[in-house]
Structures are given as structure tokens and as C-alpha cells.
Amino acid sequence: MLDTSAFKKGVCLVFKGMPCMITDYSVSTPTARGANTIFKTKLRHLVTGQLFNESIRSGDKFEEVDMERHGASYLYNDGSSWHFMDDETFDQFELNADQLAGDEQYIVDGIEGVQAVLIDGSVVGIQLPMVVTLSVTECDPTIKGATAQAQLKPAKCETGLEVQVPAYVEAGERIRVDTRDGHFVERAKD
């Protein structure tokens, strides 16, 4: 059984009899006395791909989805779908942007650690590694000595993902980005 304390992006649970994956969530604590913490979640139905929002009270328990995970390799993008290969069965499968639900912004050639998520033998999605390496294509120039505090600036990556990076990062550099929330982790050590 899953408790709300285990909620994070990518967790799969049975919600109202449907196999769902948490694609995003936020926590809000009402100010009234005795009020429970509420998890505002964005869920994706694993079979149909439908997205919906639900508010779930802290402490609620859910069954885990009975599923398998296989290693997968990213092959290519044809403009509307991302193509992968299951590393165990060598079957190829494709997922569109709706099925990836934002994860397409982390998928680049040579990505390692991708897992195919299967329910009843059919692929319903992928799980990304915790951190991926992306190239910065655009960002503001560095301003040396502008302030004593660390400042962040927006940077656009090769996949179109926008990330807030420290002021010392420049266009052309490779950075590591957390796939759970899209924040800058560090410069890539290539």
C-alpha cells in the first residue's frame, strides 16, 4: 500500500480503480485547525493517457499498480512520436507527446537509464533516469561581479526545456538537469 508520503513524480497507483501515474503534484496545508494537508495531484491514466487533476488528503492509502519495468533504448523522434526499443524483448514502441506528458523535454540521443513501463504486457509509458545531461543552446551572457549573491538566469536547452541556471553557465555548455522537477543540478563533467 502506498501512503501520500510516498508521492513523487512517476509513482504509479490505483486511483478509483484506474491505474494512474503521478505526473505532478503540490502540497498545500490549510490554515484551519485540524485540517489535513492536501496533495493536489496531476494524474495520467496509464492505459488511456487521459490527464486529470485530483485533490487527495494526507494519510490516504492506495494500492500499487501491478506492472513491469524493462530497460529501454531511445531510438529517434519522427516529429510527432518518440520511438524506443525494449532492451529485453527487442520490441520497438512509440509514444506521443500526450503519453510522455512533458518527459519529451528530457529525451536526447544517447540517454541512458530509461525504463519501459508495462501493464499486462503492453507498454504504457517510460520512466526517465533521475538526472539527464543536456546542452545549453541559448542563455544570457555572464555579468561578472554584478552582485555578491548567487543569481539565476534562464537557459534554453537543446530539447526546448527552459532551466534556471547559475550566472556562470554559458551557451554551448552541457548541464545536468533533474527530471523530477527540471532544476539545474551541476555542470556536466565530460
N, C-alpha and C. Protein backbone atom coordinates (compact mmCIF):
# COMPACT_ATOMS: atom_id res chain seq x y z
N MET A 1 0.84 -1.19 0.00
CA MET A 1 0.00 0.00 0.00
C MET A 1 0.88 1.25 0.00
N LEU A 2 0.49 2.22 -0.80
CA LEU A 2 1.19 3.49 -0.88
C LEU A 2 0.49 4.53 -0.02
N ASP A 3 1.25 5.26 0.74
CA ASP A 3 0.73 6.37 1.54
C ASP A 3 1.04 7.67 0.78
N THR A 4 0.34 8.75 1.10
CA THR A 4 0.59 10.02 0.42
C THR A 4 2.01 10.53 0.66
N SER A 5 2.65 10.07 1.72
CA SER A 5 4.03 10.49 1.99
C SER A 5 5.00 9.95 0.94
N ALA A 6 4.59 8.93 0.18
CA ALA A 6 5.44 8.35 -0.87
C ALA A 6 5.20 9.02 -2.22
N PHE A 7 4.34 10.03 -2.28
CA PHE A 7 4.04 10.68 -3.55
C PHE A 7 5.27 11.39 -4.11
N LYS A 8 5.54 11.18 -5.38
CA LYS A 8 6.54 11.90 -6.14
C LYS A 8 6.24 11.66 -7.61
N LYS A 9 6.83 12.44 -8.46
CA LYS A 9 6.60 12.30 -9.89
C LYS A 9 7.01 10.91 -10.34
N GLY A 10 6.13 10.23 -11.09
CA GLY A 10 6.44 8.91 -11.61
C GLY A 10 5.89 7.76 -10.80
N VAL A 11 5.34 8.02 -9.62
CA VAL A 11 4.76 6.96 -8.79
C VAL A 11 3.46 6.49 -9.43
N CYS A 12 3.28 5.17 -9.51
CA CYS A 12 2.07 4.59 -10.11
C CYS A 12 1.20 4.00 -9.00
N LEU A 13 -0.10 4.30 -9.06
CA LEU A 13 -1.03 3.84 -8.05
C LEU A 13 -2.39 3.57 -8.67
N VAL A 14 -3.22 2.81 -7.94
CA VAL A 14 -4.58 2.55 -8.39
C VAL A 14 -5.47 3.60 -7.73
N PHE A 15 -6.05 4.50 -8.54
CA PHE A 15 -6.90 5.58 -8.03
C PHE A 15 -8.31 5.37 -8.58
N LYS A 16 -9.26 5.15 -7.69
CA LYS A 16 -10.65 4.88 -8.07
C LYS A 16 -10.74 3.75 -9.09
N GLY A 17 -9.95 2.71 -8.88
CA GLY A 17 -9.98 1.54 -9.74
C GLY A 17 -9.21 1.68 -11.03
N MET A 18 -8.53 2.81 -11.25
CA MET A 18 -7.81 3.05 -12.50
C MET A 18 -6.30 3.09 -12.24
N PRO A 19 -5.50 2.45 -13.11
CA PRO A 19 -4.05 2.55 -12.95
C PRO A 19 -3.59 3.93 -13.41
N CYS A 20 -2.96 4.68 -12.50
CA CYS A 20 -2.56 6.06 -12.80
C CYS A 20 -1.11 6.30 -12.40
N MET A 21 -0.50 7.30 -13.05
CA MET A 21 0.85 7.74 -12.70
C MET A 21 0.78 9.20 -12.30
N ILE A 22 1.49 9.55 -11.24
CA ILE A 22 1.55 10.95 -10.82
C ILE A 22 2.53 11.67 -11.74
N THR A 23 2.02 12.68 -12.49
CA THR A 23 2.90 13.44 -13.37
C THR A 23 3.37 14.73 -12.73
N ASP A 24 2.62 15.21 -11.72
CA ASP A 24 3.00 16.42 -11.00
C ASP A 24 2.16 16.50 -9.73
N TYR A 25 2.67 17.15 -8.71
CA TYR A 25 1.88 17.34 -7.50
C TYR A 25 2.40 18.53 -6.72
N SER A 26 1.54 19.08 -5.88
CA SER A 26 1.94 20.13 -4.95
C SER A 26 1.24 19.86 -3.63
N VAL A 27 1.81 20.38 -2.57
CA VAL A 27 1.27 20.14 -1.23
C VAL A 27 0.77 21.47 -0.68
N SER A 28 -0.45 21.47 -0.15
CA SER A 28 -0.97 22.68 0.49
C SER A 28 -1.47 22.31 1.88
N THR A 29 -1.17 23.18 2.83
CA THR A 29 -1.58 22.97 4.20
C THR A 29 -2.59 24.05 4.57
N PRO A 30 -3.84 23.66 4.74
CA PRO A 30 -4.85 24.65 5.14
C PRO A 30 -4.52 25.24 6.50
N THR A 31 -4.93 26.50 6.71
CA THR A 31 -4.60 27.17 7.96
C THR A 31 -5.58 26.84 9.09
N ALA A 32 -6.72 26.30 8.77
CA ALA A 32 -7.71 25.97 9.80
C ALA A 32 -7.19 24.86 10.71
N ARG A 33 -7.54 24.94 11.98
CA ARG A 33 -7.09 23.91 12.92
C ARG A 33 -7.66 22.56 12.55
N GLY A 34 -6.83 21.56 12.68
CA GLY A 34 -7.28 20.21 12.45
C GLY A 34 -7.46 19.83 10.99
N ALA A 35 -7.20 20.75 10.09
CA ALA A 35 -7.37 20.44 8.67
C ALA A 35 -6.20 19.60 8.18
N ASN A 36 -6.48 18.64 7.33
CA ASN A 36 -5.45 17.77 6.79
C ASN A 36 -4.69 18.47 5.67
N THR A 37 -3.44 18.06 5.51
CA THR A 37 -2.66 18.51 4.38
C THR A 37 -3.28 17.92 3.12
N ILE A 38 -3.29 18.69 2.04
CA ILE A 38 -3.90 18.23 0.80
C ILE A 38 -2.83 18.16 -0.29
N PHE A 39 -2.82 17.04 -1.00
CA PHE A 39 -1.92 16.84 -2.13
C PHE A 39 -2.72 17.11 -3.40
N LYS A 40 -2.38 18.17 -4.11
CA LYS A 40 -3.04 18.47 -5.38
C LYS A 40 -2.21 17.79 -6.46
N THR A 41 -2.78 16.74 -7.04
CA THR A 41 -2.02 15.91 -7.97
C THR A 41 -2.55 16.02 -9.39
N LYS A 42 -1.63 15.86 -10.33
CA LYS A 42 -2.00 15.71 -11.74
C LYS A 42 -1.69 14.25 -12.06
N LEU A 43 -2.73 13.51 -12.41
CA LEU A 43 -2.60 12.08 -12.68
C LEU A 43 -2.81 11.79 -14.15
N ARG A 44 -2.11 10.76 -14.65
CA ARG A 44 -2.31 10.31 -16.02
C ARG A 44 -2.74 8.86 -15.98
N HIS A 45 -3.91 8.58 -16.60
CA HIS A 45 -4.41 7.20 -16.69
C HIS A 45 -3.42 6.43 -17.55
N LEU A 46 -2.89 5.33 -17.04
CA LEU A 46 -1.82 4.62 -17.73
C LEU A 46 -2.26 3.89 -19.00
N VAL A 47 -3.52 3.59 -19.13
CA VAL A 47 -3.99 2.88 -20.33
C VAL A 47 -4.48 3.85 -21.40
N THR A 48 -5.32 4.81 -21.01
CA THR A 48 -5.89 5.74 -21.99
C THR A 48 -5.04 6.98 -22.22
N GLY A 49 -4.16 7.32 -21.26
CA GLY A 49 -3.33 8.51 -21.38
C GLY A 49 -4.03 9.78 -20.93
N GLN A 50 -5.28 9.69 -20.50
CA GLN A 50 -6.05 10.86 -20.08
C GLN A 50 -5.42 11.49 -18.84
N LEU A 51 -5.31 12.84 -18.84
CA LEU A 51 -4.80 13.59 -17.70
C LEU A 51 -5.96 14.17 -16.91
N PHE A 52 -5.85 14.13 -15.58
CA PHE A 52 -6.86 14.75 -14.75
C PHE A 52 -6.24 15.18 -13.42
N ASN A 53 -6.87 16.16 -12.78
CA ASN A 53 -6.40 16.70 -11.51
C ASN A 53 -7.26 16.17 -10.37
N GLU A 54 -6.63 15.86 -9.26
CA GLU A 54 -7.35 15.38 -8.08
C GLU A 54 -6.70 15.94 -6.83
N SER A 55 -7.51 16.26 -5.84
CA SER A 55 -7.02 16.66 -4.52
C SER A 55 -7.16 15.46 -3.60
N ILE A 56 -6.07 15.08 -2.96
CA ILE A 56 -6.04 13.89 -2.13
C ILE A 56 -5.59 14.28 -0.72
N ARG A 57 -6.30 13.80 0.29
CA ARG A 57 -5.96 14.12 1.67
C ARG A 57 -4.73 13.35 2.14
N SER A 58 -3.98 14.00 2.99
CA SER A 58 -2.81 13.35 3.60
C SER A 58 -3.26 12.13 4.38
N GLY A 59 -2.50 11.04 4.27
CA GLY A 59 -2.82 9.83 5.01
C GLY A 59 -3.62 8.81 4.21
N ASP A 60 -4.21 9.21 3.08
CA ASP A 60 -4.95 8.25 2.25
C ASP A 60 -3.98 7.19 1.75
N LYS A 61 -4.49 5.98 1.60
CA LYS A 61 -3.65 4.86 1.14
C LYS A 61 -4.18 4.33 -0.19
N PHE A 62 -3.25 3.89 -1.04
CA PHE A 62 -3.59 3.40 -2.37
C PHE A 62 -2.81 2.13 -2.67
N GLU A 63 -3.40 1.28 -3.51
CA GLU A 63 -2.70 0.09 -3.98
C GLU A 63 -1.69 0.50 -5.03
N GLU A 64 -0.61 -0.27 -5.12
CA GLU A 64 0.37 -0.04 -6.17
C GLU A 64 -0.12 -0.73 -7.44
N VAL A 65 0.22 -0.17 -8.59
CA VAL A 65 -0.15 -0.76 -9.87
C VAL A 65 0.74 -1.97 -10.12
N ASP A 66 0.13 -3.08 -10.55
CA ASP A 66 0.88 -4.29 -10.89
C ASP A 66 1.47 -4.10 -12.28
N MET A 67 2.76 -3.82 -12.32
CA MET A 67 3.40 -3.53 -13.61
C MET A 67 4.83 -4.03 -13.61
N GLU A 68 5.37 -4.07 -14.82
CA GLU A 68 6.76 -4.48 -15.02
C GLU A 68 7.54 -3.28 -15.53
N ARG A 69 8.85 -3.32 -15.33
CA ARG A 69 9.74 -2.30 -15.89
C ARG A 69 10.87 -3.03 -16.61
N HIS A 70 11.12 -2.64 -17.84
CA HIS A 70 12.22 -3.19 -18.63
C HIS A 70 13.12 -2.04 -19.04
N GLY A 71 14.40 -2.31 -19.16
CA GLY A 71 15.31 -1.31 -19.71
C GLY A 71 14.89 -1.00 -21.14
N ALA A 72 15.05 0.25 -21.56
CA ALA A 72 14.67 0.65 -22.92
C ALA A 72 15.72 1.58 -23.50
N SER A 73 15.82 1.59 -24.81
CA SER A 73 16.75 2.47 -25.51
C SER A 73 15.96 3.44 -26.38
N TYR A 74 16.36 4.71 -26.35
CA TYR A 74 15.73 5.70 -27.22
C TYR A 74 16.33 5.57 -28.61
N LEU A 75 15.46 5.51 -29.63
CA LEU A 75 15.92 5.35 -31.00
C LEU A 75 15.91 6.68 -31.76
N TYR A 76 14.72 7.27 -31.94
CA TYR A 76 14.62 8.52 -32.70
C TYR A 76 13.27 9.17 -32.48
N ASN A 77 13.17 10.42 -32.97
CA ASN A 77 11.93 11.19 -32.92
C ASN A 77 11.56 11.51 -34.37
N ASP A 78 10.32 11.20 -34.77
CA ASP A 78 9.91 11.46 -36.15
C ASP A 78 9.11 12.75 -36.29
N GLY A 79 9.12 13.59 -35.26
CA GLY A 79 8.39 14.85 -35.32
C GLY A 79 7.11 14.82 -34.50
N SER A 80 6.47 13.67 -34.42
CA SER A 80 5.24 13.58 -33.63
C SER A 80 5.30 12.47 -32.57
N SER A 81 6.21 11.53 -32.74
CA SER A 81 6.34 10.41 -31.80
C SER A 81 7.81 10.16 -31.48
N TRP A 82 8.03 9.61 -30.29
CA TRP A 82 9.37 9.22 -29.86
C TRP A 82 9.40 7.70 -29.89
N HIS A 83 10.40 7.14 -30.55
CA HIS A 83 10.50 5.69 -30.75
C HIS A 83 11.56 5.11 -29.82
N PHE A 84 11.21 3.97 -29.22
CA PHE A 84 12.08 3.29 -28.25
C PHE A 84 12.14 1.81 -28.59
N MET A 85 13.10 1.11 -27.96
CA MET A 85 13.19 -0.34 -28.09
C MET A 85 13.33 -0.93 -26.70
N ASP A 86 12.53 -1.95 -26.41
CA ASP A 86 12.61 -2.69 -25.16
C ASP A 86 13.91 -3.51 -25.20
N ASP A 87 14.79 -3.31 -24.22
CA ASP A 87 16.09 -3.98 -24.22
C ASP A 87 16.00 -5.47 -23.91
N GLU A 88 14.86 -5.94 -23.37
CA GLU A 88 14.73 -7.37 -23.06
C GLU A 88 14.11 -8.14 -24.21
N THR A 89 13.05 -7.60 -24.81
CA THR A 89 12.34 -8.32 -25.88
C THR A 89 12.73 -7.82 -27.27
N PHE A 90 13.41 -6.68 -27.34
CA PHE A 90 13.81 -6.02 -28.59
C PHE A 90 12.61 -5.56 -29.42
N ASP A 91 11.43 -5.48 -28.79
CA ASP A 91 10.26 -4.92 -29.46
C ASP A 91 10.39 -3.41 -29.49
N GLN A 92 9.99 -2.81 -30.62
CA GLN A 92 10.00 -1.35 -30.72
C GLN A 92 8.62 -0.81 -30.39
N PHE A 93 8.59 0.36 -29.75
CA PHE A 93 7.32 1.01 -29.43
C PHE A 93 7.49 2.51 -29.56
N GLU A 94 6.37 3.19 -29.74
CA GLU A 94 6.42 4.65 -29.88
C GLU A 94 5.44 5.28 -28.90
N LEU A 95 5.79 6.48 -28.45
CA LEU A 95 4.94 7.25 -27.55
C LEU A 95 4.82 8.66 -28.09
N ASN A 96 3.62 9.24 -28.01
CA ASN A 96 3.44 10.61 -28.47
C ASN A 96 3.61 11.57 -27.30
N ALA A 97 3.52 12.87 -27.56
CA ALA A 97 3.74 13.89 -26.54
C ALA A 97 2.74 13.77 -25.39
N ASP A 98 1.48 13.41 -25.71
CA ASP A 98 0.48 13.26 -24.65
C ASP A 98 0.84 12.12 -23.71
N GLN A 99 1.34 11.03 -24.26
CA GLN A 99 1.72 9.88 -23.44
C GLN A 99 2.97 10.18 -22.61
N LEU A 100 3.86 11.01 -23.14
CA LEU A 100 5.08 11.35 -22.41
C LEU A 100 4.83 12.43 -21.36
N ALA A 101 3.80 13.24 -21.53
CA ALA A 101 3.36 14.24 -20.54
C ALA A 101 4.50 15.13 -20.04
N GLY A 102 5.29 15.68 -20.96
CA GLY A 102 6.36 16.60 -20.59
C GLY A 102 7.73 15.96 -20.50
N ASP A 103 7.79 14.64 -20.42
CA ASP A 103 9.09 13.96 -20.32
C ASP A 103 9.89 14.06 -21.61
N GLU A 104 9.24 14.41 -22.73
CA GLU A 104 9.95 14.51 -24.01
C GLU A 104 11.03 15.60 -23.96
N GLN A 105 10.91 16.55 -23.04
CA GLN A 105 11.90 17.62 -22.93
C GLN A 105 13.22 17.15 -22.32
N TYR A 106 13.27 15.92 -21.86
CA TYR A 106 14.49 15.37 -21.28
C TYR A 106 15.12 14.29 -22.16
N ILE A 107 14.49 13.97 -23.28
CA ILE A 107 14.95 12.86 -24.11
C ILE A 107 15.88 13.37 -25.21
N VAL A 108 17.13 12.88 -25.18
CA VAL A 108 18.14 13.23 -26.18
C VAL A 108 18.84 11.96 -26.64
N ASP A 109 19.51 12.05 -27.78
CA ASP A 109 20.28 10.90 -28.27
C ASP A 109 21.30 10.49 -27.22
N GLY A 110 21.43 9.20 -27.00
CA GLY A 110 22.41 8.68 -26.06
C GLY A 110 21.95 8.65 -24.62
N ILE A 111 20.69 8.98 -24.34
CA ILE A 111 20.18 8.94 -22.97
C ILE A 111 20.24 7.51 -22.45
N GLU A 112 20.70 7.37 -21.22
CA GLU A 112 20.80 6.04 -20.59
C GLU A 112 19.92 5.98 -19.36
N GLY A 113 19.47 4.79 -19.01
CA GLY A 113 18.69 4.60 -17.79
C GLY A 113 17.19 4.71 -17.97
N VAL A 114 16.71 4.74 -19.23
CA VAL A 114 15.27 4.81 -19.49
C VAL A 114 14.68 3.42 -19.25
N GLN A 115 13.49 3.39 -18.65
CA GLN A 115 12.80 2.13 -18.43
C GLN A 115 11.41 2.19 -19.07
N ALA A 116 11.04 1.11 -19.75
CA ALA A 116 9.69 0.98 -20.29
C ALA A 116 8.79 0.46 -19.18
N VAL A 117 7.60 1.07 -19.04
CA VAL A 117 6.63 0.66 -18.03
C VAL A 117 5.56 -0.16 -18.74
N LEU A 118 5.37 -1.42 -18.32
CA LEU A 118 4.42 -2.32 -18.96
C LEU A 118 3.32 -2.73 -17.98
N ILE A 119 2.08 -2.72 -18.47
CA ILE A 119 0.94 -3.25 -17.73
C ILE A 119 0.30 -4.30 -18.61
N ASP A 120 0.14 -5.49 -18.08
CA ASP A 120 -0.41 -6.62 -18.83
C ASP A 120 0.31 -6.85 -20.15
N GLY A 121 1.63 -6.69 -20.16
CA GLY A 121 2.43 -6.97 -21.34
C GLY A 121 2.49 -5.88 -22.38
N SER A 122 1.77 -4.77 -22.22
CA SER A 122 1.85 -3.70 -23.21
C SER A 122 2.46 -2.44 -22.58
N VAL A 123 3.27 -1.75 -23.37
CA VAL A 123 3.97 -0.56 -22.89
C VAL A 123 2.97 0.59 -22.75
N VAL A 124 2.96 1.23 -21.58
CA VAL A 124 2.06 2.36 -21.33
C VAL A 124 2.82 3.65 -21.11
N GLY A 125 4.14 3.58 -20.97
CA GLY A 125 4.92 4.79 -20.76
C GLY A 125 6.37 4.45 -20.48
N ILE A 126 7.13 5.48 -20.12
CA ILE A 126 8.53 5.29 -19.78
C ILE A 126 8.81 5.96 -18.44
N GLN A 127 9.88 5.54 -17.82
CA GLN A 127 10.38 6.21 -16.63
C GLN A 127 11.80 6.66 -16.94
N LEU A 128 12.05 7.95 -16.73
CA LEU A 128 13.35 8.53 -17.03
C LEU A 128 14.31 8.33 -15.86
N PRO A 129 15.62 8.42 -16.14
CA PRO A 129 16.57 8.42 -15.02
C PRO A 129 16.40 9.70 -14.20
N MET A 130 16.92 9.74 -12.99
CA MET A 130 16.76 10.91 -12.11
C MET A 130 17.39 12.17 -12.70
N VAL A 131 18.52 12.02 -13.40
CA VAL A 131 19.25 13.16 -13.93
C VAL A 131 19.66 12.88 -15.36
N VAL A 132 19.51 13.88 -16.25
CA VAL A 132 19.96 13.75 -17.63
C VAL A 132 20.92 14.91 -17.96
N THR A 133 21.74 14.69 -18.98
CA THR A 133 22.68 15.72 -19.42
C THR A 133 22.14 16.35 -20.70
N LEU A 134 22.03 17.68 -20.69
CA LEU A 134 21.52 18.45 -21.83
C LEU A 134 22.50 19.56 -22.19
N SER A 135 22.50 19.96 -23.46
CA SER A 135 23.33 21.08 -23.91
C SER A 135 22.54 22.37 -23.85
N VAL A 136 23.18 23.43 -23.38
CA VAL A 136 22.56 24.75 -23.33
C VAL A 136 22.74 25.39 -24.71
N THR A 137 21.63 25.79 -25.34
CA THR A 137 21.71 26.41 -26.67
C THR A 137 21.61 27.93 -26.61
N GLU A 138 20.87 28.46 -25.64
CA GLU A 138 20.72 29.90 -25.50
C GLU A 138 20.71 30.27 -24.04
N CYS A 139 21.42 31.35 -23.70
CA CYS A 139 21.29 31.94 -22.37
C CYS A 139 21.94 33.32 -22.38
N ASP A 140 21.55 34.14 -21.42
CA ASP A 140 22.09 35.49 -21.31
C ASP A 140 23.58 35.42 -21.01
N PRO A 141 24.33 36.44 -21.43
CA PRO A 141 25.77 36.43 -21.12
C PRO A 141 26.02 36.61 -19.62
N THR A 142 27.19 36.18 -19.20
CA THR A 142 27.59 36.29 -17.80
C THR A 142 27.97 37.73 -17.49
N ILE A 143 27.47 38.24 -16.36
CA ILE A 143 27.86 39.57 -15.90
C ILE A 143 28.71 39.37 -14.66
N LYS A 144 30.00 39.64 -14.78
CA LYS A 144 30.92 39.39 -13.67
C LYS A 144 30.80 40.48 -12.62
N GLY A 145 30.77 40.06 -11.36
CA GLY A 145 30.78 41.00 -10.24
C GLY A 145 29.54 41.85 -10.09
N ALA A 146 28.42 41.45 -10.67
CA ALA A 146 27.20 42.25 -10.60
C ALA A 146 26.61 42.26 -9.20
N THR A 147 26.81 41.19 -8.45
CA THR A 147 26.25 41.11 -7.10
C THR A 147 27.02 40.10 -6.28
N ALA A 148 26.87 40.21 -4.99
CA ALA A 148 27.55 39.26 -4.10
C ALA A 148 26.73 37.99 -3.91
N GLN A 149 25.45 38.06 -4.26
CA GLN A 149 24.58 36.89 -4.10
C GLN A 149 24.52 36.09 -5.39
N ALA A 150 24.27 34.80 -5.22
CA ALA A 150 24.11 33.93 -6.39
C ALA A 150 22.83 34.32 -7.12
N GLN A 151 22.93 34.46 -8.42
CA GLN A 151 21.75 34.78 -9.22
C GLN A 151 21.53 33.68 -10.24
N LEU A 152 20.26 33.50 -10.58
CA LEU A 152 19.90 32.53 -11.60
C LEU A 152 19.43 33.26 -12.85
N LYS A 153 19.64 32.62 -13.99
CA LYS A 153 19.17 33.18 -15.25
C LYS A 153 18.55 32.06 -16.07
N PRO A 154 17.63 32.38 -16.97
CA PRO A 154 17.02 31.33 -17.79
C PRO A 154 17.98 30.86 -18.88
N ALA A 155 17.95 29.57 -19.12
CA ALA A 155 18.75 28.98 -20.19
C ALA A 155 17.85 28.02 -20.97
N LYS A 156 17.99 28.03 -22.28
CA LYS A 156 17.21 27.12 -23.12
C LYS A 156 18.12 25.96 -23.54
N CYS A 157 17.60 24.75 -23.38
CA CYS A 157 18.38 23.55 -23.72
C CYS A 157 18.02 23.05 -25.11
N GLU A 158 18.78 22.10 -25.60
CA GLU A 158 18.62 21.56 -26.95
C GLU A 158 17.24 20.97 -27.23
N THR A 159 16.53 20.55 -26.18
CA THR A 159 15.21 19.95 -26.36
C THR A 159 14.08 20.97 -26.25
N GLY A 160 14.44 22.23 -25.94
CA GLY A 160 13.43 23.27 -25.76
C GLY A 160 13.11 23.53 -24.30
N LEU A 161 13.64 22.71 -23.40
CA LEU A 161 13.41 22.88 -21.97
C LEU A 161 14.09 24.14 -21.48
N GLU A 162 13.37 24.94 -20.69
CA GLU A 162 13.97 26.12 -20.06
C GLU A 162 14.30 25.80 -18.61
N VAL A 163 15.54 26.10 -18.22
CA VAL A 163 16.04 25.79 -16.89
C VAL A 163 16.65 27.05 -16.29
N GLN A 164 16.44 27.28 -15.00
CA GLN A 164 17.11 28.37 -14.30
C GLN A 164 18.50 27.87 -13.91
N VAL A 165 19.54 28.56 -14.40
CA VAL A 165 20.92 28.14 -14.16
C VAL A 165 21.69 29.26 -13.45
N PRO A 166 22.79 28.91 -12.78
CA PRO A 166 23.63 29.95 -12.18
C PRO A 166 24.22 30.87 -13.25
N ALA A 167 24.64 32.06 -12.82
CA ALA A 167 25.13 33.08 -13.75
C ALA A 167 26.37 32.66 -14.52
N TYR A 168 27.16 31.71 -14.02
CA TYR A 168 28.40 31.32 -14.69
C TYR A 168 28.19 30.38 -15.88
N VAL A 169 27.00 29.83 -16.06
CA VAL A 169 26.74 28.91 -17.17
C VAL A 169 26.58 29.70 -18.46
N GLU A 170 27.20 29.22 -19.54
CA GLU A 170 27.15 29.89 -20.83
C GLU A 170 26.60 28.96 -21.90
N ALA A 171 26.16 29.54 -23.01
CA ALA A 171 25.66 28.76 -24.16
C ALA A 171 26.76 27.82 -24.65
N GLY A 172 26.37 26.61 -25.02
CA GLY A 172 27.34 25.63 -25.51
C GLY A 172 27.78 24.65 -24.43
N GLU A 173 27.56 24.98 -23.17
CA GLU A 173 27.96 24.08 -22.09
C GLU A 173 26.94 22.97 -21.93
N ARG A 174 27.39 21.87 -21.31
CA ARG A 174 26.48 20.77 -21.01
C ARG A 174 26.20 20.79 -19.52
N ILE A 175 24.91 20.65 -19.17
CA ILE A 175 24.50 20.69 -17.77
C ILE A 175 23.69 19.44 -17.44
N ARG A 176 23.65 19.13 -16.14
CA ARG A 176 22.84 18.01 -15.67
C ARG A 176 21.58 18.58 -15.04
N VAL A 177 20.42 18.01 -15.44
CA VAL A 177 19.11 18.51 -15.01
C VAL A 177 18.32 17.38 -14.35
N ASP A 178 17.67 17.69 -13.23
CA ASP A 178 16.84 16.73 -12.51
C ASP A 178 15.53 16.54 -13.30
N THR A 179 15.18 15.32 -13.64
CA THR A 179 13.97 15.06 -14.44
C THR A 179 12.69 15.12 -13.62
N ARG A 180 12.79 15.12 -12.30
CA ARG A 180 11.58 15.17 -11.48
C ARG A 180 10.97 16.56 -11.45
N ASP A 181 11.82 17.60 -11.38
CA ASP A 181 11.28 18.95 -11.29
C ASP A 181 11.96 19.94 -12.23
N GLY A 182 12.90 19.50 -13.04
CA GLY A 182 13.52 20.36 -14.05
C GLY A 182 14.50 21.38 -13.51
N HIS A 183 15.11 21.13 -12.36
CA HIS A 183 16.07 22.11 -11.86
C HIS A 183 17.51 21.72 -12.20
N PHE A 184 18.36 22.75 -12.29
CA PHE A 184 19.79 22.60 -12.57
C PHE A 184 20.44 21.85 -11.41
N VAL A 185 21.26 20.85 -11.74
CA VAL A 185 21.98 20.09 -10.72
C VAL A 185 23.45 20.53 -10.68
N GLU A 186 24.12 20.46 -11.85
CA GLU A 186 25.53 20.80 -11.94
C GLU A 186 25.95 20.86 -13.39
N ARG A 187 27.16 21.36 -13.62
CA ARG A 187 27.75 21.27 -14.96
C ARG A 187 28.10 19.81 -15.22
N ALA A 188 27.98 19.41 -16.47
CA ALA A 188 28.33 18.02 -16.81
C ALA A 188 29.84 17.89 -16.83
N LYS A 189 30.34 16.79 -16.31
CA LYS A 189 31.78 16.53 -16.28
C LYS A 189 32.14 15.63 -17.46
N ASP A 190 32.23 16.22 -18.64
CA ASP A 190 32.54 15.43 -19.85
C ASP A 190 34.01 15.33 -20.07
